[in-house]
Every structure is written in C-alpha cells, then in structure tokens.
C-alpha cells in the first residue's frame, strides 16, 4: 500500500521511500524515512493534497509524491500516538 491511498485516521509504518534524485532526498529530509509511523489526518476536497502526521508535526504532500512512499498498516491493537 502507498501513503497516497491509505485510509483516513489509520496508522502505518513507512517501509520504502521511492522517487529519484532531488525528490527522494527532499522526502527523506522531511522525516519520511523507513520504520517511521505516519497517519493520514486530512484529504483536500478533490483528493489532493493530503495532510499527514509524522514525528509530532503535520506535513502536507501532493498525492503524486505520497504515491512514491510505501507503507505497512499497523495492527489495530498496537494503537499509540504518532
């Protein structure tokens, strides 16, 4: 599953950050690194951009960029804050 098609308010862990060159470096610099928990908080009315919660801050990404980030959903019983 990718971050771009993750359901609202569900938590996941980043497994892979795709993209090439400058885009990949920028995503990593913003804290989108593997083994980090994320949660989709808001989606714009037309579906783009999306707002995620990561490392106690909010980040807005274009859907196109969010599709390059692979995630693995967390089990329901794990819970916890992002």
N, C-alpha and C. Protein backbone atom coordinates (compact mmCIF):
# COMPACT_ATOMS: atom_id res chain seq x y z
N UNK A 1 0.85 -1.16 0.00
CA UNK A 1 0.00 0.00 0.00
C UNK A 1 0.90 1.23 0.00
N UNK A 2 0.41 2.31 -0.59
CA UNK A 2 1.18 3.55 -0.58
C UNK A 2 0.51 4.56 0.34
N UNK A 3 1.26 5.57 0.71
CA UNK A 3 0.74 6.62 1.58
C UNK A 3 -0.40 7.37 0.91
N UNK A 4 -0.36 7.46 -0.40
CA UNK A 4 -1.39 8.18 -1.15
C UNK A 4 -2.75 7.51 -1.12
N UNK A 5 -2.82 6.19 -0.92
CA UNK A 5 -4.12 5.53 -0.89
C UNK A 5 -4.46 4.93 0.47
N UNK A 6 -3.80 5.43 1.50
CA UNK A 6 -4.07 4.99 2.86
C UNK A 6 -5.36 5.62 3.37
N UNK A 7 -6.19 4.87 4.12
CA UNK A 7 -7.43 5.44 4.65
C UNK A 7 -7.17 6.51 5.72
N UNK A 8 -8.13 7.40 5.86
CA UNK A 8 -8.03 8.46 6.87
C UNK A 8 -7.95 7.88 8.28
N UNK A 9 -7.17 8.54 9.12
CA UNK A 9 -7.04 8.26 10.56
C UNK A 9 -6.44 6.89 10.89
N UNK A 10 -5.94 6.17 9.92
CA UNK A 10 -5.28 4.89 10.17
C UNK A 10 -3.78 5.12 10.23
N UNK A 11 -3.11 4.37 11.09
CA UNK A 11 -1.66 4.50 11.23
C UNK A 11 -0.95 3.43 10.41
N UNK A 12 0.24 3.76 9.98
CA UNK A 12 1.06 2.83 9.21
C UNK A 12 2.52 3.14 9.49
N UNK A 13 3.38 2.24 9.04
CA UNK A 13 4.82 2.43 9.17
C UNK A 13 5.39 2.50 7.75
N UNK A 14 6.24 3.47 7.52
CA UNK A 14 6.88 3.61 6.22
C UNK A 14 7.83 2.44 6.01
N UNK A 15 7.71 1.78 4.86
CA UNK A 15 8.60 0.66 4.55
C UNK A 15 9.61 1.00 3.47
N UNK A 16 9.24 1.91 2.54
CA UNK A 16 10.15 2.25 1.44
C UNK A 16 9.82 3.65 0.93
N UNK A 17 10.85 4.42 0.66
CA UNK A 17 10.67 5.75 0.08
C UNK A 17 11.21 5.70 -1.34
N UNK A 18 10.33 5.88 -2.30
CA UNK A 18 10.72 5.84 -3.71
C UNK A 18 11.08 7.23 -4.22
N UNK A 19 10.93 7.40 -5.50
CA UNK A 19 11.29 8.67 -6.13
C UNK A 19 12.74 8.63 -6.55
N UNK A 20 13.13 9.66 -7.24
CA UNK A 20 14.51 9.73 -7.74
C UNK A 20 15.11 11.10 -7.46
N UNK A 21 16.40 11.10 -7.27
CA UNK A 21 17.16 12.33 -7.16
C UNK A 21 16.71 13.26 -6.05
N UNK A 22 16.46 14.50 -6.46
CA UNK A 22 16.14 15.56 -5.51
C UNK A 22 14.85 15.30 -4.75
N UNK A 23 13.84 14.73 -5.42
CA UNK A 23 12.58 14.46 -4.75
C UNK A 23 12.78 13.47 -3.61
N UNK A 24 13.49 12.39 -3.84
CA UNK A 24 13.73 11.39 -2.80
C UNK A 24 14.49 12.01 -1.62
N UNK A 25 15.50 12.79 -1.91
CA UNK A 25 16.27 13.46 -0.85
C UNK A 25 15.38 14.39 -0.04
N UNK A 26 14.51 15.11 -0.71
CA UNK A 26 13.62 16.04 -0.01
C UNK A 26 12.65 15.29 0.90
N UNK A 27 12.09 14.18 0.41
CA UNK A 27 11.18 13.38 1.24
C UNK A 27 11.90 12.86 2.48
N UNK A 28 13.11 12.37 2.30
CA UNK A 28 13.88 11.87 3.44
C UNK A 28 14.21 13.01 4.41
N UNK A 29 14.56 14.17 3.89
CA UNK A 29 14.87 15.33 4.74
C UNK A 29 13.66 15.79 5.57
N UNK A 30 12.45 15.56 5.04
CA UNK A 30 11.25 15.95 5.77
C UNK A 30 10.87 14.93 6.84
N UNK A 31 11.67 13.88 6.98
CA UNK A 31 11.42 12.90 8.02
C UNK A 31 10.68 11.66 7.57
N UNK A 32 10.43 11.54 6.29
CA UNK A 32 9.74 10.37 5.75
C UNK A 32 10.76 9.26 5.49
N UNK A 33 11.18 8.63 6.56
CA UNK A 33 12.19 7.58 6.45
C UNK A 33 11.59 6.24 6.90
N UNK A 34 12.14 5.14 6.40
CA UNK A 34 11.61 3.83 6.77
C UNK A 34 11.57 3.62 8.29
N UNK A 35 10.59 2.84 8.73
CA UNK A 35 10.34 2.49 10.14
C UNK A 35 9.75 3.64 10.95
N UNK A 36 9.24 4.68 10.28
CA UNK A 36 8.61 5.81 10.96
C UNK A 36 7.10 5.68 10.86
N UNK A 37 6.38 5.92 11.97
CA UNK A 37 4.92 5.86 11.97
C UNK A 37 4.35 7.12 11.33
N UNK A 38 3.27 6.94 10.55
CA UNK A 38 2.56 8.06 9.94
C UNK A 38 1.06 7.82 10.05
N UNK A 39 0.30 8.91 9.96
CA UNK A 39 -1.16 8.82 9.95
C UNK A 39 -1.70 9.88 9.01
N UNK A 40 -2.64 9.53 8.16
CA UNK A 40 -3.28 10.50 7.27
C UNK A 40 -4.37 11.21 8.08
N UNK A 41 -4.25 12.53 8.19
CA UNK A 41 -5.18 13.32 9.02
C UNK A 41 -6.28 13.99 8.20
N UNK A 42 -5.94 14.52 7.04
CA UNK A 42 -6.91 15.24 6.22
C UNK A 42 -6.61 15.00 4.75
N UNK A 43 -7.67 15.06 3.95
CA UNK A 43 -7.53 15.00 2.50
C UNK A 43 -8.34 16.17 1.94
N UNK A 44 -7.75 16.90 1.01
CA UNK A 44 -8.45 18.03 0.40
C UNK A 44 -9.71 17.54 -0.31
N UNK A 45 -10.70 18.41 -0.50
CA UNK A 45 -11.97 18.01 -1.11
C UNK A 45 -11.83 17.28 -2.45
N UNK A 46 -10.88 17.65 -3.25
CA UNK A 46 -10.70 16.97 -4.53
C UNK A 46 -9.66 15.86 -4.46
N UNK A 47 -9.20 15.53 -3.24
CA UNK A 47 -8.28 14.41 -3.06
C UNK A 47 -6.81 14.76 -3.10
N UNK A 48 -6.46 16.00 -3.36
CA UNK A 48 -5.06 16.38 -3.46
C UNK A 48 -4.92 17.82 -2.98
N UNK A 49 -4.07 18.13 -2.03
CA UNK A 49 -3.06 17.32 -1.34
C UNK A 49 -3.64 16.59 -0.12
N UNK A 50 -2.75 15.84 0.56
CA UNK A 50 -3.13 15.17 1.80
C UNK A 50 -2.25 15.69 2.93
N UNK A 51 -2.82 15.68 4.14
CA UNK A 51 -2.06 16.10 5.31
C UNK A 51 -1.78 14.86 6.16
N UNK A 52 -0.52 14.66 6.52
CA UNK A 52 -0.15 13.53 7.35
C UNK A 52 0.43 14.03 8.66
N UNK A 53 0.40 13.15 9.64
CA UNK A 53 1.01 13.43 10.95
C UNK A 53 2.20 12.49 11.10
N UNK A 54 3.37 13.07 11.33
CA UNK A 54 4.59 12.30 11.44
C UNK A 54 5.51 12.99 12.44
N UNK A 55 6.07 12.22 13.37
CA UNK A 55 7.01 12.76 14.35
C UNK A 55 6.52 14.02 15.05
N UNK A 56 5.27 14.03 15.49
CA UNK A 56 4.66 15.16 16.21
C UNK A 56 4.56 16.45 15.42
N UNK A 57 4.51 16.36 14.08
CA UNK A 57 4.21 17.55 13.28
C UNK A 57 3.37 17.15 12.09
N UNK A 58 2.70 18.12 11.52
CA UNK A 58 1.85 17.88 10.34
C UNK A 58 2.62 18.26 9.09
N UNK A 59 2.39 17.48 8.05
CA UNK A 59 3.08 17.68 6.78
C UNK A 59 2.07 17.50 5.66
N UNK A 60 2.07 18.40 4.70
CA UNK A 60 1.17 18.30 3.56
C UNK A 60 1.96 17.88 2.34
N UNK A 61 1.45 16.86 1.66
CA UNK A 61 2.12 16.31 0.48
C UNK A 61 1.15 16.26 -0.70
N UNK A 62 1.69 16.44 -1.89
CA UNK A 62 0.90 16.20 -3.08
C UNK A 62 0.65 14.70 -3.18
N UNK A 63 -0.49 14.33 -3.69
CA UNK A 63 -0.85 12.92 -3.83
C UNK A 63 0.17 12.18 -4.70
N UNK A 64 0.65 12.83 -5.72
CA UNK A 64 1.66 12.24 -6.62
C UNK A 64 2.92 11.86 -5.85
N UNK A 65 3.34 12.70 -4.92
CA UNK A 65 4.54 12.39 -4.12
C UNK A 65 4.24 11.32 -3.07
N UNK A 66 3.04 11.36 -2.49
CA UNK A 66 2.65 10.38 -1.48
C UNK A 66 2.58 8.97 -2.08
N UNK A 67 2.30 8.86 -3.37
CA UNK A 67 2.23 7.56 -4.03
C UNK A 67 3.61 6.89 -4.12
N UNK A 68 4.66 7.64 -3.93
CA UNK A 68 6.02 7.09 -4.00
C UNK A 68 6.49 6.50 -2.67
N UNK A 69 5.67 6.63 -1.63
CA UNK A 69 6.04 6.16 -0.29
C UNK A 69 5.21 4.92 0.04
N UNK A 70 5.88 3.80 0.22
CA UNK A 70 5.18 2.56 0.57
C UNK A 70 5.07 2.43 2.08
N UNK A 71 3.90 1.98 2.54
CA UNK A 71 3.65 1.83 3.97
C UNK A 71 3.05 0.46 4.26
N UNK A 72 3.16 0.08 5.52
CA UNK A 72 2.56 -1.15 6.01
C UNK A 72 1.64 -0.78 7.16
N UNK A 73 0.34 -1.11 7.07
CA UNK A 73 -0.61 -0.73 8.14
C UNK A 73 -0.24 -1.35 9.48
N UNK A 74 -0.47 -0.59 10.55
CA UNK A 74 -0.26 -1.11 11.90
C UNK A 74 -1.47 -1.93 12.32
N UNK A 75 -1.25 -2.91 13.17
CA UNK A 75 -2.35 -3.71 13.71
C UNK A 75 -3.22 -2.83 14.60
N UNK A 76 -4.50 -3.08 14.63
CA UNK A 76 -5.44 -2.27 15.42
C UNK A 76 -5.07 -2.24 16.90
N UNK A 77 -4.58 -3.34 17.46
CA UNK A 77 -4.30 -3.38 18.89
C UNK A 77 -3.05 -2.61 19.28
N UNK A 78 -2.18 -2.25 18.34
CA UNK A 78 -0.97 -1.52 18.69
C UNK A 78 -1.29 -0.12 19.17
N UNK A 79 -2.23 0.56 18.48
CA UNK A 79 -2.66 1.90 18.89
C UNK A 79 -1.49 2.86 19.01
N UNK A 80 -1.56 3.76 20.00
CA UNK A 80 -0.47 4.71 20.25
C UNK A 80 -0.61 5.96 19.42
N UNK A 81 0.18 6.95 19.79
CA UNK A 81 0.19 8.22 19.08
C UNK A 81 1.28 8.24 18.04
N UNK A 82 1.06 9.07 17.04
CA UNK A 82 2.09 9.29 16.03
C UNK A 82 2.73 10.62 16.30
